[in-house]
Amino acid sequence: MKFAFYGDDFTGSTDALEVLAFAGLDCALFLDVPDEQALRELGPFDAIGVAGASRAMSPAEMSAQLAPVLAAMSRLPVELVHYKVCSTFDSSPAIGSIGRVMDLSRAAFGDTAIPIVAATPALGRYCAFGNLFARSGTDGRVHRIDRHPIMSVHPVTPMHEADLARHLGAQTAMPITGFTLPQFALEREAMAAEFVGLVDSTSGGAVLLDGTTTSQLSDTGRLLDGLARGRETPLFCIGGSGLEYALTQWWREAGVLPAAPTTHDRFDGVPQVLAVSGSASPLSALQIDAALAAGFSDLAIDAAALVAGSDPDAELASLAERALLALRAGSSVMLHSARGPQDSRVEAMLGALAKQGMSREQARHEGGRLLGQRLGQLVDGLLRAHPLQRLLLSGGDTSSHVTQRLAPQALRVLARLAPGAPLCRAISREPHLAQLEIALKGGQMGQPDYFVKALRGTADARPSLP
């Protein structure tokens, strides 16, 4: 294998998997670090991913749950291991701390400087002199991340700092040095020498790489590929899916991969889908609106009753009954816990958890987790009662917890649905999952017609069944 990654949530994991698969690599996404037997049975693979949920963990939870995972990944037969974060780097010292992961990685991977890849031009993510910029799906404009209309008001980890060295510096004591745009302007040999020298001088710290163009990202892939060669322990790196783009672009340029990437642009429509959104982003609200306008059955989730009500089980049973009636009637179903950040259900859930003694910060953290777990129970029960071909999940916690509850052996990319949010096929011995196609997306991913496209398929695919 060339490469392995750990995704800090399930939506980010399928984003990385998509890049590798579309580049022509044979790859799969696992829910746990696979052992040799699993790799033999399902492989051989060029690359693998492990889908995790550390984006929603506290530092203490990371120490308990993530440390053994990093140790297991350090023993995989690869030259480079990527800790895959959201390309917007949203995190905090209390939740999803990327800095805490950097600290934990030392025990498994040693003290070589940790490269951090912040640019993903394919998704409209750019890094200039250490400052992160991202295109918004609501207005199509590129914003500095601390002024981004979605990420600056993220309900759990709002981004208030665009300088990633400062942002991550609040999460770790490691020194973070920048490899900036002027260094990318050097000739290749000089650039490589500058990078290696910076890595050597930053032992015990991290090197944050700028990037605004595809060619700069290819240079990043070349630099990382050279740094990873010949090591006894895999090189540990952090970044969004820009790191997968960087390596595959460089491997294609170097002749390791085919010159033409694999195409996965066509997929058929299906008679109905189940869509579940736990995201409160403005873009998710547009996507929900479009689905309802296209005829999806509207099932609003009372998040407060589901996670902190007097009888959550009764609320879950009622929701399941209504969803099952709609599915058996042949409808596509749109389950949603919020339609944008101003939806009163968000505040109602936080208030209900606060009445149970949680601080507002705890309520935000636990609310997303509890809601995701409840939705996992709901979706598992619905698929067992009414097996479907296609399941759509929106929101990091929702996608992670639902997929963990379903527990397929692995996922493989099937087709391109939206950049960073592909349509995948589950690999499972369970009858209700054996034919399941599943798409996982973060709140800021996809176009407004995301759910509708997932139902109807692409224009040039075979028509859906009546």
Protein backbone atom coordinates (compact mmCIF):
# COMPACT_ATOMS: atom_id res chain seq x y z
CA MET A 1 0.00 0.00 0.00
CA LYS A 2 1.08 3.55 -0.70
CA PHE A 3 -0.91 5.41 1.89
CA ALA A 4 -3.30 5.31 4.86
CA PHE A 5 -5.45 7.96 6.49
CA TYR A 6 -7.59 8.39 9.58
CA GLY A 7 -10.59 10.70 9.17
CA ASP A 8 -11.71 12.68 12.20
CA ASP A 9 -15.31 12.23 11.08
CA PHE A 10 -17.11 10.12 8.51
CA THR A 11 -17.91 12.89 6.04
CA GLY A 12 -14.27 13.92 5.90
CA SER A 13 -13.27 10.30 5.49
CA THR A 14 -15.36 9.79 2.37
CA ASP A 15 -14.00 13.09 1.04
CA ALA A 16 -10.45 11.71 1.24
CA LEU A 17 -11.53 8.32 -0.11
CA GLU A 18 -13.13 10.03 -3.10
CA VAL A 19 -9.87 11.72 -4.09
CA LEU A 20 -7.92 8.47 -3.94
CA ALA A 21 -10.54 6.45 -5.82
CA PHE A 22 -10.99 9.03 -8.57
CA ALA A 23 -7.21 9.13 -9.02
CA GLY A 24 -7.33 5.43 -9.91
CA LEU A 25 -6.25 3.89 -6.60
CA ASP A 26 -7.94 0.73 -5.31
CA CYS A 27 -9.05 1.76 -1.84
CA ALA A 28 -11.63 1.24 0.89
CA LEU A 29 -12.76 2.94 4.06
CA PHE A 30 -12.88 0.91 7.27
CA LEU A 31 -14.51 1.67 10.62
CA ASP A 32 -11.50 0.28 12.53
CA VAL A 33 -7.85 -0.19 11.64
CA PRO A 34 -7.97 -3.44 9.60
CA ASP A 35 -5.84 -6.41 10.53
CA GLU A 36 -3.86 -8.49 8.05
CA GLN A 37 -6.76 -10.92 7.56
CA ALA A 38 -9.22 -8.15 6.64
CA LEU A 39 -6.73 -6.66 4.21
CA ARG A 40 -6.25 -10.07 2.57
CA GLU A 41 -9.97 -10.84 2.38
CA LEU A 42 -11.11 -7.50 0.95
CA GLY A 43 -7.92 -6.32 -0.79
CA PRO A 44 -5.38 -5.94 -2.13
CA PHE A 45 -5.49 -2.16 -1.73
CA ASP A 46 -3.34 0.72 -2.90
CA ALA A 47 -4.61 2.82 0.00
CA ILE A 48 -7.00 2.54 2.93
CA GLY A 49 -8.82 4.89 5.26
CA VAL A 50 -10.19 4.55 8.76
CA ALA A 51 -13.31 6.56 9.58
CA GLY A 52 -13.33 7.98 13.08
CA ALA A 53 -15.27 10.44 15.23
CA SER A 54 -12.48 12.37 16.96
CA ARG A 55 -13.74 15.69 15.61
CA ALA A 56 -16.44 15.55 18.30
CA MET A 57 -14.16 14.31 21.11
CA SER A 58 -12.73 16.13 24.09
CA PRO A 59 -8.95 15.97 24.67
CA ALA A 60 -9.47 13.38 27.42
CA GLU A 61 -11.55 11.23 25.07
CA MET A 62 -8.87 11.54 22.42
CA SER A 63 -6.20 10.35 24.85
CA ALA A 64 -8.26 7.28 25.72
CA GLN A 65 -9.64 6.38 22.29
CA LEU A 66 -7.32 7.83 19.68
CA ALA A 67 -3.89 6.95 21.10
CA PRO A 68 -4.29 3.18 20.43
CA VAL A 69 -5.64 3.91 16.93
CA LEU A 70 -2.59 6.01 16.07
CA ALA A 71 -0.33 3.25 17.40
CA ALA A 72 -2.09 0.69 15.19
CA MET A 73 -1.81 2.94 12.14
CA SER A 74 1.90 3.45 12.74
CA ARG A 75 2.32 -0.32 12.22
CA LEU A 76 0.60 -0.38 8.80
CA PRO A 77 2.91 -1.17 5.83
CA VAL A 78 2.82 2.37 4.39
CA GLU A 79 5.27 5.27 4.14
CA LEU A 80 2.83 8.02 5.10
CA VAL A 81 -0.16 8.26 7.47
CA HIS A 82 -2.55 11.19 7.20
CA TYR A 83 -4.73 12.46 10.05
CA LYS A 84 -7.52 13.90 7.93
CA VAL A 85 -9.31 16.95 9.33
CA CYS A 86 -12.05 19.11 7.84
CA SER A 87 -10.59 21.41 5.19
CA THR A 88 -11.90 24.36 7.20
CA PHE A 89 -9.82 23.27 10.23
CA ASP A 90 -12.69 24.06 12.59
CA SER A 91 -11.70 22.80 16.04
CA SER A 92 -11.03 24.14 19.51
CA PRO A 93 -8.96 23.32 22.61
CA ALA A 94 -12.08 21.67 24.07
CA ILE A 95 -13.62 19.88 21.05
CA GLY A 96 -11.89 18.09 18.18
CA SER A 97 -8.51 19.51 19.16
CA ILE A 98 -6.10 19.05 16.27
CA GLY A 99 -3.31 20.18 18.58
CA ARG A 100 -4.09 17.36 20.98
CA VAL A 101 -3.74 14.89 18.11
CA MET A 102 -0.37 16.40 17.24
CA ASP A 103 0.77 15.80 20.82
CA LEU A 104 -0.58 12.23 20.86
CA SER A 105 1.11 11.37 17.55
CA ARG A 106 4.59 11.64 19.07
CA ALA A 107 4.34 8.33 20.92
CA ALA A 108 3.42 6.44 17.74
CA PHE A 109 5.33 8.28 15.01
CA GLY A 110 8.32 9.97 16.67
CA ASP A 111 9.35 13.61 16.75
CA THR A 112 9.87 14.38 13.04
CA ALA A 113 8.22 17.71 12.24
CA ILE A 114 4.55 17.21 11.32
CA PRO A 115 3.66 18.60 7.87
CA ILE A 116 0.28 20.37 7.85
CA VAL A 117 -1.42 20.76 4.46
CA ALA A 118 -4.04 23.50 4.62
CA ALA A 119 -4.90 24.07 0.94
CA THR A 120 -7.54 22.22 -1.08
CA PRO A 121 -8.12 24.31 -4.22
CA ALA A 122 -10.56 21.73 -5.63
CA LEU A 123 -12.89 22.55 -2.72
CA GLY A 124 -12.16 26.27 -2.73
CA ARG A 125 -9.78 26.15 0.27
CA TYR A 126 -6.64 28.28 0.10
CA CYS A 127 -3.80 29.08 2.49
CA ALA A 128 -1.67 32.23 2.08
CA PHE A 129 1.04 33.10 4.60
CA GLY A 130 -0.60 30.73 7.04
CA ASN A 131 -4.07 32.27 6.74
CA LEU A 132 -6.95 30.04 5.65
CA PHE A 133 -9.58 31.09 3.12
CA ALA A 134 -12.64 29.10 2.00
CA ARG A 135 -15.34 29.46 -0.61
CA SER A 136 -18.89 29.47 0.76
CA GLY A 137 -21.59 27.31 -0.76
CA THR A 138 -24.19 29.96 0.04
CA ASP A 139 -22.80 32.84 -2.02
CA GLY A 140 -19.96 31.27 -4.04
CA ARG A 141 -17.42 33.79 -2.71
CA VAL A 142 -14.08 33.08 -1.04
CA HIS A 143 -13.91 34.37 2.54
CA ARG A 144 -11.19 34.47 5.15
CA ILE A 145 -12.20 31.64 7.44
CA ASP A 146 -12.93 33.89 10.43
CA ARG A 147 -15.33 35.87 8.20
CA HIS A 148 -16.87 32.86 6.47
CA PRO A 149 -20.69 33.00 6.63
CA ILE A 150 -20.92 29.35 7.75
CA MET A 151 -17.68 28.51 9.54
CA SER A 152 -17.43 31.73 11.57
CA VAL A 153 -20.76 30.82 13.21
CA HIS A 154 -20.36 27.04 13.37
CA PRO A 155 -22.59 25.87 16.26
CA VAL A 156 -19.85 23.83 17.97
CA THR A 157 -16.44 25.04 16.76
CA PRO A 158 -16.80 28.52 15.22
CA MET A 159 -13.66 29.76 13.50
CA HIS A 160 -12.58 33.09 15.01
CA GLU A 161 -8.94 32.96 13.85
CA ALA A 162 -7.71 32.65 10.25
CA ASP A 163 -3.99 32.37 11.09
CA LEU A 164 -3.70 28.60 11.46
CA ALA A 165 -0.46 28.78 13.45
CA ARG A 166 -2.29 30.89 16.03
CA HIS A 167 -5.45 28.77 15.80
CA LEU A 168 -3.58 25.49 16.34
CA GLY A 169 -1.17 27.16 18.75
CA ALA A 170 -4.09 27.53 21.17
CA GLN A 171 -4.40 23.72 21.11
CA THR A 172 -0.75 22.62 21.45
CA ALA A 173 2.55 23.98 22.74
CA MET A 174 4.36 22.68 19.64
CA PRO A 175 6.11 25.34 17.55
CA ILE A 176 4.51 25.78 14.10
CA THR A 177 6.63 27.14 11.25
CA GLY A 178 5.30 28.22 7.85
CA PHE A 179 6.43 27.10 4.39
CA THR A 180 5.02 30.05 2.49
CA LEU A 181 4.23 31.18 -1.03
CA PRO A 182 7.68 32.72 -1.77
CA GLN A 183 9.29 29.36 -0.99
CA PHE A 184 6.94 27.69 -3.49
CA ALA A 185 8.30 30.10 -6.12
CA LEU A 186 11.80 28.58 -5.85
CA GLU A 187 13.20 26.11 -8.37
CA ARG A 188 12.40 22.52 -7.47
CA GLU A 189 15.78 21.55 -6.06
CA ALA A 190 16.01 24.73 -4.02
CA MET A 191 12.44 24.30 -2.84
CA ALA A 192 13.12 20.73 -1.68
CA ALA A 193 16.30 21.76 0.11
CA GLU A 194 14.49 24.62 1.84
CA PHE A 195 11.68 22.29 2.92
CA VAL A 196 13.97 19.57 4.28
CA GLY A 197 16.01 22.17 6.14
CA LEU A 198 12.85 23.62 7.66
CA VAL A 199 11.65 20.16 8.72
CA ASP A 200 15.02 19.33 10.29
CA SER A 201 15.11 22.60 12.20
CA THR A 202 11.52 22.14 13.42
CA SER A 203 11.96 18.68 14.97
CA GLY A 204 9.36 18.34 17.69
CA GLY A 205 7.09 20.87 15.96
CA ALA A 206 5.09 21.27 12.77
CA VAL A 207 5.48 22.85 9.32
CA LEU A 208 2.38 24.51 7.85
CA LEU A 209 2.40 24.57 4.03
CA ASP A 210 0.73 27.36 2.06
CA GLY A 211 -1.09 26.70 -1.20
CA THR A 212 -3.39 28.59 -3.57
CA THR A 213 -2.98 26.70 -6.86
CA THR A 214 -3.07 23.15 -8.18
CA SER A 215 0.62 23.32 -9.16
CA GLN A 216 1.61 24.39 -5.64
CA LEU A 217 -0.35 21.44 -4.30
CA SER A 218 1.53 19.10 -6.66
CA ASP A 219 4.78 20.54 -5.30
CA THR A 220 3.50 19.77 -1.80
CA GLY A 221 2.93 16.16 -2.88
CA ARG A 222 6.46 15.95 -4.25
CA LEU A 223 7.93 17.35 -1.03
CA LEU A 224 5.97 14.97 1.19
CA ASP A 225 6.67 11.96 -1.01
CA GLY A 226 10.40 12.66 -0.80
CA LEU A 227 10.27 13.20 2.96
CA ALA A 228 8.38 9.93 3.54
CA ARG A 229 10.74 7.67 1.61
CA GLY A 230 12.96 5.22 3.45
CA ARG A 231 11.56 5.82 6.93
CA GLU A 232 11.21 3.02 9.50
CA THR A 233 8.01 4.61 10.84
CA PRO A 234 5.42 6.22 8.54
CA LEU A 235 5.57 9.99 8.19
CA PHE A 236 2.65 11.50 10.12
CA CYS A 237 0.87 14.43 8.44
CA ILE A 238 -2.22 16.54 9.13
CA GLY A 239 -4.54 18.28 6.71
CA GLY A 240 -7.75 18.22 4.70
CA SER A 241 -8.21 16.20 1.53
CA GLY A 242 -5.73 18.57 -0.09
CA LEU A 243 -3.10 16.11 1.08
CA GLU A 244 -4.70 13.34 -1.01
CA TYR A 245 -4.90 15.70 -3.97
CA ALA A 246 -1.26 16.68 -3.44
CA LEU A 247 0.07 13.13 -3.46
CA THR A 248 -2.10 11.79 -6.28
CA GLN A 249 -1.31 14.81 -8.48
CA TRP A 250 2.40 14.31 -7.91
CA TRP A 251 2.19 10.54 -8.45
CA ARG A 252 0.37 11.17 -11.74
CA GLU A 253 3.03 13.68 -12.81
CA ALA A 254 5.76 11.22 -11.82
CA GLY A 255 4.12 8.43 -13.86
CA VAL A 256 3.15 6.31 -10.85
CA LEU A 257 -0.56 6.73 -11.63
CA PRO A 258 -2.35 6.82 -15.00
CA ALA A 259 -2.31 10.20 -16.73
CA ALA A 260 -6.11 10.29 -16.97
CA PRO A 261 -7.94 10.02 -13.64
CA THR A 262 -10.79 7.54 -13.24
CA THR A 263 -14.24 8.97 -13.98
CA HIS A 264 -17.19 8.25 -11.69
CA ASP A 265 -19.55 10.96 -12.91
CA ARG A 266 -22.58 8.84 -13.83
CA PHE A 267 -24.99 7.13 -11.49
CA ASP A 268 -28.59 6.00 -11.83
CA GLY A 269 -31.62 7.37 -10.05
CA VAL A 270 -33.51 5.23 -7.54
CA PRO A 271 -37.21 4.97 -6.65
CA GLN A 272 -36.76 6.59 -3.22
CA VAL A 273 -34.15 7.70 -0.72
CA LEU A 274 -33.95 8.29 3.01
CA ALA A 275 -32.22 11.60 3.79
CA VAL A 276 -31.24 12.52 7.36
CA SER A 277 -29.82 15.94 8.22
CA GLY A 278 -28.43 16.88 11.62
CA SER A 279 -26.70 19.97 10.23
CA ALA A 280 -27.73 23.52 11.09
CA SER A 281 -25.71 25.22 8.34
CA PRO A 282 -27.39 27.69 5.94
CA LEU A 283 -26.38 25.51 2.98
CA SER A 284 -28.05 22.46 4.54
CA ALA A 285 -31.21 24.55 4.91
CA LEU A 286 -31.15 25.29 1.16
CA GLN A 287 -30.67 21.59 0.42
CA ILE A 288 -33.57 20.61 2.67
CA ASP A 289 -35.79 23.25 1.03
CA ALA A 290 -34.93 21.91 -2.42
CA ALA A 291 -35.71 18.33 -1.37
CA LEU A 292 -39.09 19.29 0.05
CA ALA A 293 -39.90 21.29 -3.09
CA ALA A 294 -39.08 18.16 -5.12
CA GLY A 295 -41.67 16.11 -3.20
CA PHE A 296 -39.72 14.55 -0.33
CA SER A 297 -41.89 13.88 2.74
CA ASP A 298 -41.17 16.49 5.39
CA LEU A 299 -40.35 14.96 8.79
CA ALA A 300 -39.12 17.54 11.28
CA ILE A 301 -37.13 16.12 14.21
CA ASP A 302 -37.81 17.54 17.68
CA ALA A 303 -34.19 17.34 18.82
CA ALA A 304 -34.97 18.52 22.37
CA ALA A 305 -37.57 15.78 22.88
CA LEU A 306 -35.33 13.18 21.27
CA VAL A 307 -32.25 13.81 23.44
CA ALA A 308 -33.56 15.44 26.62
CA GLY A 309 -37.32 14.93 26.77
CA SER A 310 -39.33 13.09 29.40
CA ASP A 311 -39.68 10.02 27.15
CA PRO A 312 -37.04 9.98 24.37
CA ASP A 313 -37.87 6.38 23.45
CA ALA A 314 -41.49 7.27 22.77
CA GLU A 315 -40.37 10.23 20.65
CA LEU A 316 -38.04 7.94 18.69
CA ALA A 317 -40.80 5.37 18.15
CA SER A 318 -43.21 8.05 16.92
CA LEU A 319 -40.64 9.43 14.49
CA ALA A 320 -39.85 5.93 13.23
CA GLU A 321 -43.53 5.18 12.68
CA ARG A 322 -44.10 8.33 10.64
CA ALA A 323 -40.95 7.75 8.56
CA LEU A 324 -41.84 4.11 7.90
CA LEU A 325 -45.37 5.02 6.76
CA ALA A 326 -43.93 7.49 4.24
CA LEU A 327 -41.33 5.04 2.97
CA ARG A 328 -43.86 2.24 2.57
CA ALA A 329 -46.06 4.65 0.62
CA GLY A 330 -43.18 5.03 -1.84
CA SER A 331 -42.06 8.51 -0.81
CA SER A 332 -38.55 9.77 -0.31
CA VAL A 333 -38.15 11.04 3.25
CA MET A 334 -36.35 14.18 4.46
CA LEU A 335 -35.65 13.99 8.20
CA HIS A 336 -34.12 17.18 9.61
CA SER A 337 -33.28 18.55 13.05
CA ALA A 338 -32.76 22.14 11.85
CA ARG A 339 -33.31 24.33 8.81
CA GLY A 340 -30.45 26.76 9.27
CA PRO A 341 -28.66 28.17 12.32
CA GLN A 342 -31.65 30.28 13.42
CA ASP A 343 -34.04 27.33 13.66
CA SER A 344 -35.63 27.45 17.12
CA ARG A 345 -35.08 23.71 17.54
CA VAL A 346 -31.33 24.30 17.99
CA GLU A 347 -31.85 26.61 20.96
CA ALA A 348 -34.61 24.37 22.37
CA MET A 349 -32.25 21.38 22.48
CA LEU A 350 -29.48 23.39 24.12
CA GLY A 351 -31.96 24.77 26.66
CA ALA A 352 -33.32 21.33 27.48
CA LEU A 353 -29.82 19.98 28.12
CA ALA A 354 -28.95 23.05 30.19
CA LYS A 355 -31.93 22.29 32.44
CA GLN A 356 -30.29 18.92 33.10
CA GLY A 357 -27.24 20.72 34.51
CA MET A 358 -25.01 21.01 31.44
CA SER A 359 -23.11 24.17 30.61
CA ARG A 360 -23.83 25.67 27.22
CA GLU A 361 -20.53 24.33 25.88
CA GLN A 362 -21.31 20.84 27.23
CA ALA A 363 -24.79 21.05 25.74
CA ARG A 364 -23.39 21.83 22.28
CA HIS A 365 -20.92 18.96 22.54
CA GLU A 366 -23.23 16.36 24.04
CA GLY A 367 -26.28 17.50 22.09
CA GLY A 368 -24.73 16.68 18.73
CA ARG A 369 -23.46 13.36 20.01
CA LEU A 370 -26.74 12.29 21.62
CA LEU A 371 -28.72 13.38 18.59
CA GLY A 372 -26.38 11.46 16.27
CA GLN A 373 -26.70 8.31 18.39
CA ARG A 374 -30.49 8.58 18.43
CA LEU A 375 -30.58 9.07 14.68
CA GLY A 376 -28.35 6.02 14.33
CA GLN A 377 -30.96 3.96 16.18
CA LEU A 378 -33.68 5.41 13.98
CA VAL A 379 -31.95 4.74 10.65
CA ASP A 380 -30.88 1.23 11.67
CA GLY A 381 -34.46 0.34 12.56
CA LEU A 382 -35.88 1.85 9.38
CA LEU A 383 -33.45 -0.02 7.11
CA ARG A 384 -34.18 -3.30 8.86
CA ALA A 385 -37.92 -2.76 8.45
CA HIS A 386 -37.76 -1.30 4.92
CA PRO A 387 -34.43 -1.98 3.15
CA LEU A 388 -33.42 0.80 0.77
CA GLN A 389 -30.86 1.17 -1.97
CA ARG A 390 -29.71 4.69 -1.08
CA LEU A 391 -29.17 6.53 2.23
CA LEU A 392 -28.12 10.20 2.48
CA LEU A 393 -26.60 11.65 5.66
CA SER A 394 -25.81 15.32 6.30
CA GLY A 395 -23.75 16.69 9.20
CA GLY A 396 -20.54 15.40 10.75
CA ASP A 397 -21.96 13.97 13.98
CA THR A 398 -25.00 12.57 12.19
CA SER A 399 -22.93 10.85 9.51
CA SER A 400 -20.43 9.43 12.00
CA HIS A 401 -22.91 8.07 14.54
CA VAL A 402 -25.37 6.68 12.01
CA THR A 403 -22.63 4.88 10.07
CA GLN A 404 -21.10 3.55 13.29
CA ARG A 405 -24.50 2.18 14.28
CA LEU A 406 -24.95 0.50 10.88
CA ALA A 407 -21.39 -0.86 11.14
CA PRO A 408 -20.59 -1.99 7.58
CA GLN A 409 -17.23 -3.71 7.18
CA ALA A 410 -16.07 -1.03 4.78
CA LEU A 411 -17.14 1.54 2.18
CA ARG A 412 -16.02 1.88 -1.43
CA VAL A 413 -16.57 4.93 -3.62
CA LEU A 414 -19.24 4.36 -6.24
CA ALA A 415 -19.78 7.72 -7.97
CA ARG A 416 -19.31 11.47 -7.76
CA LEU A 417 -22.32 13.15 -6.14
CA ALA A 418 -20.65 16.41 -5.03
CA PRO A 419 -16.99 17.32 -4.48
CA GLY A 420 -16.00 15.94 -1.10
CA ALA A 421 -19.26 14.04 -0.65
CA PRO A 422 -19.31 10.98 -2.94
CA LEU A 423 -21.82 8.19 -3.24
CA CYS A 424 -20.38 5.02 -1.69
CA ARG A 425 -21.33 1.35 -1.51
CA ALA A 426 -21.37 -0.47 1.81
CA ILE A 427 -19.54 -3.78 2.15
CA SER A 428 -21.47 -5.87 4.67
CA ARG A 429 -22.69 -9.38 5.42
CA GLU A 430 -25.93 -7.96 6.85
CA PRO A 431 -28.84 -8.48 4.39
CA HIS A 432 -30.33 -5.00 4.93
CA LEU A 433 -26.94 -3.40 4.18
CA ALA A 434 -25.69 -5.69 1.40
CA GLN A 435 -26.97 -3.45 -1.44
CA LEU A 436 -26.87 -0.13 0.41
CA GLU A 437 -25.43 2.97 -1.22
CA ILE A 438 -24.60 5.71 1.25
CA ALA A 439 -23.55 9.35 0.87
CA LEU A 440 -22.06 11.29 3.78
CA LYS A 441 -21.68 15.08 3.65
CA GLY A 442 -20.62 17.87 5.93
CA GLY A 443 -22.96 20.81 6.40
CA GLN A 444 -20.94 23.02 4.05
CA MET A 445 -20.67 20.47 1.21
CA GLY A 446 -22.67 20.13 -2.00
CA GLN A 447 -24.98 22.29 -4.11
CA PRO A 448 -28.55 23.19 -3.10
CA ASP A 449 -29.90 20.29 -5.22
CA TYR A 450 -27.68 17.71 -3.46
CA PHE A 451 -30.49 15.50 -2.11
CA VAL A 452 -32.55 15.82 -5.28
CA LYS A 453 -29.61 14.81 -7.47
CA ALA A 454 -28.95 11.84 -5.18
CA LEU A 455 -32.51 10.65 -5.82
CA ARG A 456 -32.73 11.31 -9.55
CA GLY A 457 -29.19 10.46 -10.63
CA THR A 458 -27.18 12.22 -13.30
CA ALA A 459 -28.78 13.50 -16.48
CA ASP A 460 -26.87 11.11 -18.73
CA ALA A 461 -27.45 8.03 -16.58
CA ARG A 462 -30.23 5.55 -17.21
CA PRO A 463 -33.62 6.88 -16.07
CA SER A 464 -34.80 5.98 -12.58
CA LEU A 465 -37.58 3.50 -12.01
CA PRO A 466 -41.10 4.94 -11.92
